[in-house]
Structures are given as C-alpha cells and as structure tokens.
Amino acid sequence: MAEDLDQLLDEVERWLCRLPERGAAGGQRHGGGEEAAMAKEGRSAKLLMRADSGEEDIDDIINEICNDSSFAKSPLKLKSSSPSLTPESNSAVVQAHRKRCCPVYLGGSSSPCGIGTNISKRTCDQLRCIACDFRVSLFNDYIWDQSCDYLFFRNNMPELSKLRAKMIKKKGARAYACQCSWRSIDELTDLQTDQQLRWVCGKHPE
C-alpha cells in the first residue's frame, strides 16, 4: 500500500512539473494538451484520495477489532473432531459391553455363579424379576420355610434381618427370592423349566 501511494505521488509531481513547459512550448497549437493534463491530474488525485480512504478504512477496521472488548475477552472455542463422551453415552458404552446368560440357570451353593451358557453351566447371580421389578436376592446354604407366602416377601424384601425369620439352614442349598416369588434350589436347574417365575438375567459386567 505504501509503495502504491509513493508511485501515485511521483506521478502527480511529474505532471505538475510538465504543465508549465507544455504551456510555453505548445501555445495555441497544443491547447488541448493542457486540458488532457488537467484531466489526468484529476484522475491521479482521485486515485490518491481513494487510496488514502482505503487505508483509513483498513485502519478503522483494525482499531475497531482491537478495541472490541467482547472480542478480547471471549477466547476462541476450538471444536474437537472427536465426539466427547457424556455420562449418557458413557453408560451406553458400558451397557453395550455387558452379557446375558443364555440359558439362565439356578442352582445350589455348590454351583458356581457367572454367565451361564450351554457349555459353561453357571448359575446367574444378576437375576431381576420383570413382574415386581425387583432384583432377585440369593442366600447360600439356606432354604425357605414352607410357611412363606406372598405378603411375607412383599413386606420384608430385601431386609435380611426380617427374612431370617423364615430361613432354614441347609448346606448345599440356595434360597432365591424377589418381592413376589421365591424358590429353594438344591441342584442345577434351567430357569425355563419353571414357567411361573418371571425372572430374567439382568446382564453381567465383563
């Protein structure tokens, strides 16, 4: 921009210096040359003014940006190309890595707990009842007394101190109960054989 202004100033100065020489040498014979020189001088002056105004506009814009408090105080926020994990998405990832038993097995205290399959017949310890929406509790080496009823479990689950009133010690057995159903199991049993139970595997963490 500075070089352009210098060139324009040199051009104006040359034309101003040539005007007296052309007027003296040409006289009436070159009367139109003076008018052409004046026109060209006017164009040069306009270019000079336009350049000056353009430089002033640029300076004004720079000053306005520098003086803008909101621009100075608010840092630029860079958007990451990789999506961040929110608590919701993180929990979804955890859920995706959980596994269900298939089939679901119940068993006595001697049966190992874990993810049950046709090959690895483990008893499920993540049972949930879809009828009462309660987690199924299990107690090793215990069975339920025959006097147990729906109201007993409805009012006392899952407080072990109250449930003990109708728990009988039996080695090798396992007592299962939710808020609406209960079972005493001695040996490995496929859950599908008991159609009355509404228990399902609630998924196991890997």
N, C-alpha and C. Protein backbone atom coordinates (compact mmCIF):
# COMPACT_ATOMS: atom_id res chain seq x y z
N MET A 1 0.84 -1.21 0.00
CA MET A 1 0.00 0.00 0.00
C MET A 1 0.87 1.25 0.00
N ALA A 2 1.99 1.25 0.77
CA ALA A 2 2.86 2.42 0.83
C ALA A 2 3.55 2.66 -0.50
N GLU A 3 3.96 1.59 -1.19
CA GLU A 3 4.62 1.74 -2.49
C GLU A 3 3.66 2.32 -3.51
N ASP A 4 2.38 1.87 -3.49
CA ASP A 4 1.38 2.42 -4.42
C ASP A 4 1.19 3.91 -4.21
N LEU A 5 1.16 4.35 -2.95
CA LEU A 5 0.98 5.78 -2.67
C LEU A 5 2.17 6.58 -3.17
N ASP A 6 3.39 6.03 -2.98
CA ASP A 6 4.58 6.73 -3.46
C ASP A 6 4.56 6.89 -4.98
N GLN A 7 4.13 5.83 -5.68
CA GLN A 7 4.06 5.91 -7.14
C GLN A 7 3.05 6.96 -7.61
N LEU A 8 1.90 6.99 -6.90
CA LEU A 8 0.87 7.98 -7.27
C LEU A 8 1.38 9.40 -7.03
N LEU A 9 2.09 9.61 -5.91
CA LEU A 9 2.62 10.95 -5.63
C LEU A 9 3.67 11.36 -6.66
N ASP A 10 4.53 10.41 -7.05
CA ASP A 10 5.54 10.72 -8.08
C ASP A 10 4.89 11.09 -9.40
N GLU A 11 3.81 10.36 -9.72
CA GLU A 11 3.13 10.63 -10.99
C GLU A 11 2.49 12.02 -10.98
N VAL A 12 1.88 12.39 -9.86
CA VAL A 12 1.26 13.73 -9.76
C VAL A 12 2.33 14.81 -9.85
N GLU A 13 3.45 14.56 -9.17
CA GLU A 13 4.52 15.57 -9.20
C GLU A 13 5.08 15.77 -10.61
N ARG A 14 5.24 14.66 -11.38
CA ARG A 14 5.75 14.77 -12.76
C ARG A 14 4.81 15.57 -13.64
N TRP A 15 3.51 15.30 -13.49
CA TRP A 15 2.53 16.03 -14.31
C TRP A 15 2.51 17.52 -13.96
N LEU A 16 2.64 17.81 -12.68
CA LEU A 16 2.65 19.23 -12.28
C LEU A 16 3.88 19.95 -12.84
N CYS A 17 4.99 19.23 -12.88
CA CYS A 17 6.21 19.86 -13.41
C CYS A 17 6.16 20.05 -14.92
N ARG A 18 5.44 19.19 -15.62
CA ARG A 18 5.38 19.26 -17.07
C ARG A 18 4.38 20.32 -17.58
N LEU A 19 3.44 20.71 -16.76
CA LEU A 19 2.40 21.62 -17.23
C LEU A 19 2.97 22.96 -17.71
N PRO A 20 3.84 23.65 -16.94
CA PRO A 20 4.36 24.94 -17.43
C PRO A 20 5.15 24.80 -18.71
N GLU A 21 5.96 23.71 -18.86
CA GLU A 21 6.77 23.52 -20.06
C GLU A 21 5.88 23.32 -21.28
N ARG A 22 4.83 22.52 -21.14
CA ARG A 22 3.93 22.30 -22.28
C ARG A 22 3.18 23.56 -22.66
N GLY A 23 2.80 24.38 -21.63
CA GLY A 23 2.06 25.61 -21.94
C GLY A 23 2.92 26.61 -22.71
N ALA A 24 4.23 26.69 -22.34
CA ALA A 24 5.11 27.65 -23.01
C ALA A 24 5.50 27.19 -24.41
N ALA A 25 5.73 25.90 -24.58
CA ALA A 25 6.20 25.40 -25.88
C ALA A 25 5.07 25.22 -26.86
N GLY A 26 3.96 24.78 -26.42
CA GLY A 26 2.88 24.43 -27.36
C GLY A 26 2.03 25.58 -27.76
N GLY A 27 1.75 26.54 -26.85
CA GLY A 27 0.87 27.68 -27.13
C GLY A 27 -0.50 27.19 -27.52
N GLN A 28 -1.05 27.87 -28.58
CA GLN A 28 -2.37 27.51 -29.08
C GLN A 28 -2.35 26.18 -29.81
N ARG A 29 -1.11 25.80 -30.33
CA ARG A 29 -1.03 24.58 -31.11
C ARG A 29 -1.32 23.37 -30.26
N HIS A 30 -0.99 23.44 -29.00
CA HIS A 30 -1.23 22.31 -28.09
C HIS A 30 -2.22 22.73 -27.00
N GLY A 31 -3.20 23.44 -27.38
CA GLY A 31 -4.19 23.90 -26.39
C GLY A 31 -4.94 22.74 -25.75
N GLY A 32 -5.19 21.68 -26.53
CA GLY A 32 -5.90 20.53 -25.95
C GLY A 32 -5.05 19.74 -25.00
N GLY A 33 -3.69 19.84 -25.07
CA GLY A 33 -2.82 19.07 -24.19
C GLY A 33 -2.97 19.48 -22.74
N GLU A 34 -3.19 20.80 -22.55
CA GLU A 34 -3.36 21.27 -21.16
C GLU A 34 -4.60 20.66 -20.53
N GLU A 35 -5.67 20.60 -21.35
CA GLU A 35 -6.92 20.02 -20.80
C GLU A 35 -6.72 18.55 -20.48
N ALA A 36 -5.98 17.83 -21.36
CA ALA A 36 -5.74 16.40 -21.12
C ALA A 36 -4.91 16.20 -19.85
N ALA A 37 -3.91 17.12 -19.68
CA ALA A 37 -3.08 17.02 -18.49
C ALA A 37 -3.88 17.25 -17.24
N MET A 38 -4.79 18.25 -17.30
CA MET A 38 -5.63 18.53 -16.14
C MET A 38 -6.53 17.35 -15.82
N ALA A 39 -7.06 16.71 -16.88
CA ALA A 39 -7.94 15.56 -16.66
C ALA A 39 -7.19 14.41 -16.01
N LYS A 40 -5.94 14.20 -16.54
CA LYS A 40 -5.14 13.12 -15.98
C LYS A 40 -4.75 13.42 -14.54
N GLU A 41 -4.46 14.74 -14.29
CA GLU A 41 -4.13 15.13 -12.91
C GLU A 41 -5.31 14.86 -11.98
N GLY A 42 -6.51 15.16 -12.49
CA GLY A 42 -7.71 14.92 -11.68
C GLY A 42 -7.88 13.44 -11.37
N ARG A 43 -7.60 12.61 -12.42
CA ARG A 43 -7.73 11.17 -12.18
C ARG A 43 -6.71 10.69 -11.16
N SER A 44 -5.50 11.23 -11.25
CA SER A 44 -4.47 10.83 -10.28
C SER A 44 -4.84 11.25 -8.87
N ALA A 45 -5.40 12.48 -8.77
CA ALA A 45 -5.81 12.96 -7.45
C ALA A 45 -6.91 12.08 -6.88
N LYS A 46 -7.84 11.65 -7.75
CA LYS A 46 -8.93 10.78 -7.29
C LYS A 46 -8.38 9.45 -6.81
N LEU A 47 -7.40 8.92 -7.58
CA LEU A 47 -6.80 7.65 -7.17
C LEU A 47 -6.10 7.80 -5.83
N LEU A 48 -5.41 8.95 -5.65
CA LEU A 48 -4.73 9.20 -4.39
C LEU A 48 -5.71 9.27 -3.24
N MET A 49 -6.82 9.98 -3.44
CA MET A 49 -7.84 10.11 -2.39
C MET A 49 -8.46 8.76 -2.09
N ARG A 50 -8.69 7.97 -3.17
CA ARG A 50 -9.29 6.66 -2.96
C ARG A 50 -8.35 5.75 -2.17
N ALA A 51 -7.06 5.83 -2.49
CA ALA A 51 -6.08 5.03 -1.76
C ALA A 51 -6.02 5.43 -0.29
N ASP A 52 -6.03 6.78 -0.06
CA ASP A 52 -6.00 7.27 1.32
C ASP A 52 -7.22 6.80 2.09
N SER A 53 -8.40 6.88 1.44
CA SER A 53 -9.63 6.48 2.12
C SER A 53 -9.63 4.98 2.40
N GLY A 54 -9.05 4.21 1.44
CA GLY A 54 -8.98 2.76 1.65
C GLY A 54 -8.08 2.42 2.82
N GLU A 55 -6.95 3.16 2.90
CA GLU A 55 -6.05 2.91 4.03
C GLU A 55 -6.70 3.30 5.35
N GLU A 56 -7.45 4.42 5.34
CA GLU A 56 -8.15 4.83 6.56
C GLU A 56 -9.20 3.80 6.96
N ASP A 57 -9.92 3.23 5.94
CA ASP A 57 -10.93 2.22 6.26
C ASP A 57 -10.28 1.01 6.91
N ILE A 58 -9.14 0.59 6.38
CA ILE A 58 -8.45 -0.56 6.96
C ILE A 58 -8.02 -0.27 8.39
N ASP A 59 -7.48 0.96 8.60
CA ASP A 59 -7.06 1.33 9.96
C ASP A 59 -8.24 1.35 10.92
N ASP A 60 -9.39 1.87 10.43
CA ASP A 60 -10.58 1.91 11.28
C ASP A 60 -11.02 0.51 11.67
N ILE A 61 -10.98 -0.42 10.71
CA ILE A 61 -11.42 -1.80 10.99
C ILE A 61 -10.50 -2.44 12.01
N ILE A 62 -9.17 -2.21 11.83
CA ILE A 62 -8.21 -2.80 12.78
C ILE A 62 -8.41 -2.24 14.17
N ASN A 63 -8.60 -0.91 14.27
CA ASN A 63 -8.82 -0.27 15.58
C ASN A 63 -10.10 -0.77 16.23
N GLU A 64 -11.14 -0.95 15.38
CA GLU A 64 -12.41 -1.40 15.92
C GLU A 64 -12.28 -2.81 16.50
N ILE A 65 -11.53 -3.68 15.80
CA ILE A 65 -11.34 -5.04 16.28
C ILE A 65 -10.53 -5.04 17.57
N CYS A 66 -9.48 -4.23 17.62
CA CYS A 66 -8.63 -4.19 18.80
C CYS A 66 -9.35 -3.62 20.00
N ASN A 67 -10.25 -2.67 19.77
CA ASN A 67 -10.95 -2.02 20.88
C ASN A 67 -12.21 -2.75 21.30
N ASP A 68 -12.58 -3.79 20.54
CA ASP A 68 -13.80 -4.52 20.87
C ASP A 68 -13.54 -5.39 22.10
N SER A 69 -14.18 -5.06 23.24
CA SER A 69 -13.94 -5.79 24.48
C SER A 69 -14.42 -7.22 24.41
N SER A 70 -15.54 -7.44 23.71
CA SER A 70 -16.07 -8.80 23.63
C SER A 70 -15.13 -9.70 22.85
N PHE A 71 -14.47 -9.14 21.83
CA PHE A 71 -13.52 -9.95 21.04
C PHE A 71 -12.29 -10.30 21.87
N ALA A 72 -11.84 -9.34 22.72
CA ALA A 72 -10.65 -9.57 23.51
C ALA A 72 -10.91 -10.52 24.67
N LYS A 73 -12.12 -10.46 25.24
CA LYS A 73 -12.40 -11.24 26.44
C LYS A 73 -12.88 -12.65 26.14
N SER A 74 -13.51 -12.85 25.00
CA SER A 74 -14.05 -14.18 24.69
C SER A 74 -13.08 -14.96 23.84
N PRO A 75 -12.41 -15.98 24.39
CA PRO A 75 -11.45 -16.76 23.60
C PRO A 75 -12.16 -17.62 22.58
N LEU A 76 -11.43 -17.95 21.55
CA LEU A 76 -11.99 -18.79 20.52
C LEU A 76 -12.17 -20.20 21.05
N LYS A 77 -13.31 -20.81 20.74
CA LYS A 77 -13.60 -22.17 21.16
C LYS A 77 -13.34 -23.10 19.98
N LEU A 78 -12.34 -23.94 20.14
CA LEU A 78 -11.99 -24.86 19.07
C LEU A 78 -12.85 -26.11 19.20
N LYS A 79 -13.45 -26.50 18.09
CA LYS A 79 -14.30 -27.68 18.08
C LYS A 79 -13.44 -28.91 17.84
N SER A 80 -13.60 -29.88 18.69
CA SER A 80 -12.85 -31.12 18.53
C SER A 80 -13.51 -31.99 17.50
N SER A 81 -12.69 -32.64 16.68
CA SER A 81 -13.23 -33.52 15.65
C SER A 81 -13.75 -34.82 16.23
N SER A 82 -13.23 -35.21 17.40
CA SER A 82 -13.70 -36.45 18.03
C SER A 82 -14.78 -36.13 19.03
N PRO A 83 -15.91 -36.84 19.01
CA PRO A 83 -17.01 -36.57 19.93
C PRO A 83 -16.63 -36.90 21.36
N SER A 84 -17.01 -36.04 22.29
CA SER A 84 -16.72 -36.27 23.69
C SER A 84 -17.75 -37.21 24.27
N LEU A 85 -17.34 -37.92 25.29
CA LEU A 85 -18.24 -38.87 25.92
C LEU A 85 -18.98 -38.20 27.07
N THR A 86 -20.28 -38.10 26.94
CA THR A 86 -21.12 -37.59 28.01
C THR A 86 -21.44 -38.74 28.95
N PRO A 87 -21.94 -38.43 30.17
CA PRO A 87 -22.33 -39.52 31.07
C PRO A 87 -23.33 -40.48 30.45
N GLU A 88 -24.28 -39.92 29.62
CA GLU A 88 -25.27 -40.78 29.00
C GLU A 88 -24.63 -41.73 28.00
N SER A 89 -23.75 -41.18 27.15
CA SER A 89 -23.12 -42.03 26.14
C SER A 89 -22.15 -43.01 26.78
N ASN A 90 -21.50 -42.58 27.90
CA ASN A 90 -20.57 -43.47 28.58
C ASN A 90 -21.30 -44.67 29.18
N SER A 91 -22.48 -44.42 29.79
CA SER A 91 -23.27 -45.52 30.34
C SER A 91 -23.75 -46.45 29.24
N ALA A 92 -24.05 -45.87 28.06
CA ALA A 92 -24.48 -46.71 26.94
C ALA A 92 -23.36 -47.63 26.50
N VAL A 93 -22.11 -47.14 26.53
CA VAL A 93 -20.96 -47.97 26.16
C VAL A 93 -20.79 -49.11 27.16
N VAL A 94 -20.96 -48.79 28.46
CA VAL A 94 -20.85 -49.83 29.49
C VAL A 94 -21.92 -50.89 29.30
N GLN A 95 -23.16 -50.45 29.02
CA GLN A 95 -24.25 -51.40 28.81
C GLN A 95 -23.99 -52.30 27.61
N ALA A 96 -23.37 -51.72 26.58
CA ALA A 96 -23.12 -52.49 25.36
C ALA A 96 -22.12 -53.62 25.61
N HIS A 97 -21.26 -53.50 26.63
CA HIS A 97 -20.24 -54.50 26.91
C HIS A 97 -20.70 -55.50 27.99
N ARG A 98 -21.96 -55.50 28.36
CA ARG A 98 -22.49 -56.47 29.31
C ARG A 98 -23.08 -57.67 28.56
N LYS A 99 -23.10 -58.81 29.22
CA LYS A 99 -23.59 -60.03 28.58
C LYS A 99 -24.69 -60.66 29.42
N ARG A 100 -25.58 -61.37 28.73
CA ARG A 100 -26.68 -62.08 29.38
C ARG A 100 -26.40 -63.58 29.42
N CYS A 101 -26.99 -64.22 30.42
CA CYS A 101 -26.95 -65.68 30.46
C CYS A 101 -27.89 -66.25 29.41
N CYS A 102 -27.47 -67.33 28.76
CA CYS A 102 -28.33 -68.00 27.78
C CYS A 102 -27.89 -69.46 27.65
N PRO A 103 -28.66 -70.36 28.28
CA PRO A 103 -29.86 -70.15 29.10
C PRO A 103 -29.51 -69.69 30.52
N VAL A 104 -30.56 -69.38 31.30
CA VAL A 104 -30.39 -68.93 32.68
C VAL A 104 -30.53 -70.13 33.61
N TYR A 105 -29.56 -70.28 34.50
CA TYR A 105 -29.56 -71.42 35.43
C TYR A 105 -29.71 -70.94 36.87
N LEU A 106 -30.45 -71.74 37.66
CA LEU A 106 -30.48 -71.62 39.11
C LEU A 106 -29.74 -72.84 39.67
N GLY A 107 -29.26 -72.72 40.91
CA GLY A 107 -28.53 -73.85 41.47
C GLY A 107 -28.26 -73.68 42.94
N GLY A 108 -27.74 -74.75 43.54
CA GLY A 108 -27.40 -74.74 44.95
C GLY A 108 -26.10 -73.98 45.20
N SER A 109 -25.68 -73.94 46.46
CA SER A 109 -24.49 -73.17 46.83
C SER A 109 -23.21 -73.76 46.25
N SER A 110 -23.24 -75.03 45.85
CA SER A 110 -22.06 -75.65 45.25
C SER A 110 -21.90 -75.30 43.78
N SER A 111 -22.94 -74.75 43.16
CA SER A 111 -22.87 -74.37 41.75
C SER A 111 -22.23 -73.00 41.62
N PRO A 112 -21.19 -72.86 40.79
CA PRO A 112 -20.53 -71.54 40.65
C PRO A 112 -21.44 -70.53 39.96
N CYS A 113 -21.28 -69.28 40.33
CA CYS A 113 -22.06 -68.20 39.72
C CYS A 113 -21.28 -67.58 38.57
N GLY A 114 -22.00 -67.01 37.62
CA GLY A 114 -21.37 -66.35 36.49
C GLY A 114 -22.31 -66.31 35.30
N ILE A 115 -21.72 -66.14 34.10
CA ILE A 115 -22.52 -66.09 32.88
C ILE A 115 -22.79 -67.51 32.42
N GLY A 116 -24.06 -67.89 32.42
CA GLY A 116 -24.44 -69.24 32.04
C GLY A 116 -24.59 -69.42 30.54
N THR A 117 -24.01 -70.50 30.02
CA THR A 117 -24.16 -70.88 28.62
C THR A 117 -24.41 -72.38 28.56
N ASN A 118 -24.66 -72.90 27.36
CA ASN A 118 -24.85 -74.34 27.20
C ASN A 118 -23.58 -75.12 27.53
N ILE A 119 -22.43 -74.46 27.36
CA ILE A 119 -21.16 -75.11 27.65
C ILE A 119 -20.75 -74.88 29.09
N SER A 120 -20.78 -73.60 29.51
CA SER A 120 -20.43 -73.24 30.88
C SER A 120 -21.72 -73.04 31.68
N LYS A 121 -22.12 -74.07 32.38
CA LYS A 121 -23.40 -74.04 33.09
C LYS A 121 -23.22 -73.42 34.47
N ARG A 122 -23.21 -72.09 34.49
CA ARG A 122 -23.07 -71.35 35.73
C ARG A 122 -24.41 -70.76 36.14
N THR A 123 -24.60 -70.60 37.44
CA THR A 123 -25.86 -70.03 37.92
C THR A 123 -25.80 -68.51 37.87
N CYS A 124 -26.90 -67.90 37.49
CA CYS A 124 -26.96 -66.44 37.33
C CYS A 124 -27.13 -65.76 38.68
N ASP A 125 -26.27 -64.79 38.95
CA ASP A 125 -26.39 -64.00 40.19
C ASP A 125 -26.80 -62.56 39.90
N GLN A 126 -27.30 -62.31 38.68
CA GLN A 126 -27.79 -60.97 38.31
C GLN A 126 -29.26 -61.03 37.90
N LEU A 127 -30.01 -61.82 38.59
CA LEU A 127 -31.43 -62.03 38.24
C LEU A 127 -32.27 -60.82 38.61
N ARG A 128 -33.27 -60.56 37.76
CA ARG A 128 -34.22 -59.48 38.02
C ARG A 128 -35.61 -59.96 37.66
N CYS A 129 -36.59 -59.62 38.50
CA CYS A 129 -37.97 -60.02 38.25
C CYS A 129 -38.67 -58.94 37.42
N ILE A 130 -39.26 -59.35 36.29
CA ILE A 130 -39.95 -58.38 35.44
C ILE A 130 -41.40 -58.17 35.89
N ALA A 131 -41.83 -58.94 36.89
CA ALA A 131 -43.18 -58.76 37.42
C ALA A 131 -43.21 -57.66 38.49
N CYS A 132 -42.29 -57.73 39.45
CA CYS A 132 -42.25 -56.72 40.52
C CYS A 132 -41.11 -55.73 40.34
N ASP A 133 -40.30 -55.91 39.30
CA ASP A 133 -39.16 -55.03 39.01
C ASP A 133 -38.21 -54.96 40.21
N PHE A 134 -37.95 -56.11 40.81
CA PHE A 134 -37.06 -56.20 41.97
C PHE A 134 -35.89 -57.11 41.61
N ARG A 135 -34.73 -56.81 42.15
CA ARG A 135 -33.59 -57.70 41.98
C ARG A 135 -33.79 -58.94 42.85
N VAL A 136 -33.46 -60.10 42.28
CA VAL A 136 -33.62 -61.36 43.00
C VAL A 136 -32.44 -61.55 43.94
N SER A 137 -32.74 -61.72 45.23
CA SER A 137 -31.71 -61.98 46.22
C SER A 137 -31.50 -63.49 46.36
N LEU A 138 -30.27 -63.88 46.66
CA LEU A 138 -29.97 -65.31 46.85
C LEU A 138 -29.14 -65.49 48.11
N PHE A 139 -29.39 -66.61 48.81
CA PHE A 139 -28.73 -66.88 50.09
C PHE A 139 -28.22 -68.31 50.08
N ASN A 140 -26.90 -68.44 50.13
CA ASN A 140 -26.27 -69.76 50.08
C ASN A 140 -26.49 -70.52 51.38
N ASP A 141 -26.69 -71.82 51.23
CA ASP A 141 -26.85 -72.76 52.35
C ASP A 141 -28.09 -72.46 53.18
N TYR A 142 -29.14 -71.96 52.49
CA TYR A 142 -30.43 -71.74 53.14
C TYR A 142 -31.56 -72.17 52.21
N ILE A 143 -32.69 -72.52 52.84
CA ILE A 143 -33.94 -72.75 52.10
C ILE A 143 -35.05 -71.97 52.81
N TRP A 144 -36.16 -71.79 52.13
CA TRP A 144 -37.29 -71.07 52.72
C TRP A 144 -38.22 -72.03 53.46
N ASP A 145 -38.73 -71.54 54.55
CA ASP A 145 -39.71 -72.32 55.31
C ASP A 145 -40.99 -72.46 54.49
N GLN A 146 -41.68 -73.58 54.68
CA GLN A 146 -42.89 -73.84 53.89
C GLN A 146 -44.03 -72.87 54.20
N SER A 147 -43.93 -72.16 55.31
CA SER A 147 -44.99 -71.21 55.68
C SER A 147 -44.85 -69.85 54.97
N CYS A 148 -43.80 -69.69 54.18
CA CYS A 148 -43.61 -68.41 53.47
C CYS A 148 -44.77 -68.16 52.51
N ASP A 149 -45.18 -66.89 52.40
CA ASP A 149 -46.24 -66.52 51.46
C ASP A 149 -45.89 -65.19 50.79
N TYR A 150 -46.79 -64.77 49.90
CA TYR A 150 -46.54 -63.55 49.11
C TYR A 150 -46.39 -62.33 50.00
N LEU A 151 -47.25 -62.17 51.01
CA LEU A 151 -47.21 -60.99 51.87
C LEU A 151 -45.92 -60.91 52.67
N PHE A 152 -45.36 -62.07 53.04
CA PHE A 152 -44.11 -62.07 53.80
C PHE A 152 -43.00 -61.42 52.98
N PHE A 153 -42.87 -61.83 51.75
CA PHE A 153 -41.82 -61.25 50.91
C PHE A 153 -42.17 -59.83 50.45
N ARG A 154 -43.45 -59.57 50.24
CA ARG A 154 -43.88 -58.23 49.83
C ARG A 154 -43.54 -57.20 50.89
N ASN A 155 -43.64 -57.57 52.15
CA ASN A 155 -43.42 -56.62 53.25
C ASN A 155 -41.98 -56.60 53.76
N ASN A 156 -41.22 -57.67 53.53
CA ASN A 156 -39.90 -57.78 54.16
C ASN A 156 -38.71 -57.70 53.21
N MET A 157 -38.92 -57.89 51.93
CA MET A 157 -37.79 -57.81 50.99
C MET A 157 -37.34 -56.35 50.85
N PRO A 158 -36.04 -56.12 50.79
CA PRO A 158 -34.92 -57.08 50.83
C PRO A 158 -34.19 -57.07 52.18
N GLU A 159 -34.87 -56.84 53.30
CA GLU A 159 -34.22 -56.72 54.61
C GLU A 159 -33.92 -58.11 55.17
N LEU A 160 -32.64 -58.44 55.19
CA LEU A 160 -32.22 -59.77 55.62
C LEU A 160 -32.62 -60.05 57.07
N SER A 161 -32.57 -59.05 57.91
CA SER A 161 -32.89 -59.25 59.33
C SER A 161 -34.32 -59.76 59.52
N LYS A 162 -35.23 -59.33 58.64
CA LYS A 162 -36.62 -59.78 58.72
C LYS A 162 -36.82 -61.10 57.99
N LEU A 163 -36.05 -61.30 56.92
CA LEU A 163 -36.19 -62.55 56.16
C LEU A 163 -35.69 -63.75 56.93
N ARG A 164 -34.74 -63.55 57.83
CA ARG A 164 -34.16 -64.67 58.58
C ARG A 164 -35.22 -65.43 59.39
N ALA A 165 -36.31 -64.78 59.67
CA ALA A 165 -37.36 -65.43 60.48
C ALA A 165 -37.87 -66.69 59.82
N LYS A 166 -37.79 -66.76 58.47
CA LYS A 166 -38.30 -67.95 57.77
C LYS A 166 -37.24 -68.58 56.86
N MET A 167 -35.98 -68.46 57.28
CA MET A 167 -34.89 -69.11 56.56
C MET A 167 -34.39 -70.30 57.37
N ILE A 168 -34.23 -71.42 56.70
CA ILE A 168 -33.78 -72.64 57.36
C ILE A 168 -32.41 -73.01 56.81
N LYS A 169 -31.49 -73.32 57.70
CA LYS A 169 -30.13 -73.68 57.30
C LYS A 169 -30.13 -75.05 56.62
N LYS A 170 -29.53 -75.10 55.44
CA LYS A 170 -29.38 -76.37 54.72
C LYS A 170 -28.15 -76.28 53.82
N LYS A 171 -27.13 -77.05 54.14
CA LYS A 171 -25.87 -76.99 53.41
C LYS A 171 -26.06 -77.49 51.98
N GLY A 172 -25.48 -76.74 51.04
CA GLY A 172 -25.55 -77.10 49.63
C GLY A 172 -26.75 -76.53 48.90
N ALA A 173 -27.70 -75.94 49.64
CA ALA A 173 -28.90 -75.36 49.01
C ALA A 173 -28.70 -73.87 48.80
N ARG A 174 -29.63 -73.28 48.10
CA ARG A 174 -29.61 -71.83 47.87
C ARG A 174 -31.04 -71.32 47.83
N ALA A 175 -31.32 -70.26 48.60
CA ALA A 175 -32.66 -69.66 48.66
C ALA A 175 -32.70 -68.43 47.77
N TYR A 176 -33.66 -68.40 46.83
CA TYR A 176 -33.86 -67.27 45.92
C TYR A 176 -35.18 -66.59 46.28
N ALA A 177 -35.21 -65.24 46.12
CA ALA A 177 -36.47 -64.52 46.38
C ALA A 177 -36.44 -63.12 45.79
N CYS A 178 -37.57 -62.70 45.24
CA CYS A 178 -37.80 -61.29 44.88
C CYS A 178 -38.94 -60.81 45.77
N GLN A 179 -39.69 -59.84 45.34
CA GLN A 179 -40.78 -59.32 46.17
C GLN A 179 -42.10 -60.05 45.92
N CYS A 180 -42.12 -60.92 44.90
CA CYS A 180 -43.37 -61.62 44.61
C CYS A 180 -43.21 -63.13 44.43
N SER A 181 -41.97 -63.62 44.33
CA SER A 181 -41.75 -65.06 44.12
C SER A 181 -40.53 -65.52 44.92
N TRP A 182 -40.45 -66.81 45.23
CA TRP A 182 -39.34 -67.37 45.98
C TRP A 182 -39.18 -68.85 45.61
N ARG A 183 -37.92 -69.33 45.73
CA ARG A 183 -37.61 -70.72 45.42
C ARG A 183 -36.46 -71.19 46.30
N SER A 184 -36.47 -72.47 46.63
CA SER A 184 -35.37 -73.14 47.31
C SER A 184 -34.80 -74.17 46.33
N ILE A 185 -33.53 -74.03 45.98
CA ILE A 185 -32.92 -74.84 44.93
C ILE A 185 -31.75 -75.66 45.53
N ASP A 186 -31.70 -76.94 45.15
CA ASP A 186 -30.63 -77.81 45.62
C ASP A 186 -29.64 -78.17 44.51
N GLU A 187 -30.07 -78.22 43.28
CA GLU A 187 -29.22 -78.65 42.18
C GLU A 187 -29.43 -77.73 40.97
N LEU A 188 -28.54 -77.87 40.00
CA LEU A 188 -28.58 -77.01 38.81
C LEU A 188 -29.90 -77.19 38.08
N THR A 189 -30.58 -76.05 37.81
CA THR A 189 -31.90 -76.08 37.20
C THR A 189 -32.00 -74.99 36.13
N ASP A 190 -32.52 -75.37 34.97
CA ASP A 190 -32.76 -74.40 33.91
C ASP A 190 -34.01 -73.59 34.26
N LEU A 191 -33.88 -72.27 34.24
CA LEU A 191 -34.99 -71.40 34.63
C LEU A 191 -36.21 -71.59 33.73
N GLN A 192 -36.01 -72.01 32.50
CA GLN A 192 -37.13 -72.18 31.57
C GLN A 192 -38.07 -73.31 31.99
N THR A 193 -37.60 -74.20 32.83
CA THR A 193 -38.45 -75.31 33.27
C THR A 193 -39.49 -74.86 34.29
N ASP A 194 -39.31 -73.69 34.87
CA ASP A 194 -40.27 -73.16 35.85
C ASP A 194 -41.01 -71.98 35.19
N GLN A 195 -42.15 -72.25 34.60
CA GLN A 195 -42.87 -71.24 33.83
C GLN A 195 -43.50 -70.15 34.70
N GLN A 196 -43.65 -70.40 36.00
CA GLN A 196 -44.29 -69.41 36.87
C GLN A 196 -43.35 -68.25 37.23
N LEU A 197 -42.07 -68.50 37.19
CA LEU A 197 -41.11 -67.45 37.55
C LEU A 197 -40.95 -66.46 36.40
N ARG A 198 -40.96 -65.18 36.74
CA ARG A 198 -40.76 -64.11 35.75
C ARG A 198 -39.37 -63.49 35.92
N TRP A 199 -38.41 -64.34 36.15
CA TRP A 199 -37.03 -63.87 36.37
C TRP A 199 -36.25 -63.90 35.05
N VAL A 200 -35.41 -62.88 34.88
CA VAL A 200 -34.54 -62.81 33.71
C VAL A 200 -33.14 -62.41 34.15
N CYS A 201 -32.17 -62.65 33.28
CA CYS A 201 -30.80 -62.21 33.57
C CYS A 201 -30.70 -60.70 33.34
N GLY A 202 -30.20 -60.01 34.34
CA GLY A 202 -30.06 -58.55 34.24
C GLY A 202 -28.74 -58.09 33.65
N LYS A 203 -28.00 -58.98 32.98
CA LYS A 203 -26.71 -58.72 32.35
C LYS A 203 -25.56 -58.69 33.35
N HIS A 204 -24.46 -59.28 32.92
CA HIS A 204 -23.25 -59.36 33.73
C HIS A 204 -22.18 -58.44 33.17
N PRO A 205 -21.45 -57.72 34.02
CA PRO A 205 -20.29 -56.96 33.52
C PRO A 205 -19.18 -57.92 33.12
N GLU A 206 -18.45 -57.57 32.06
CA GLU A 206 -17.36 -58.43 31.60
C GLU A 206 -16.20 -58.40 32.59
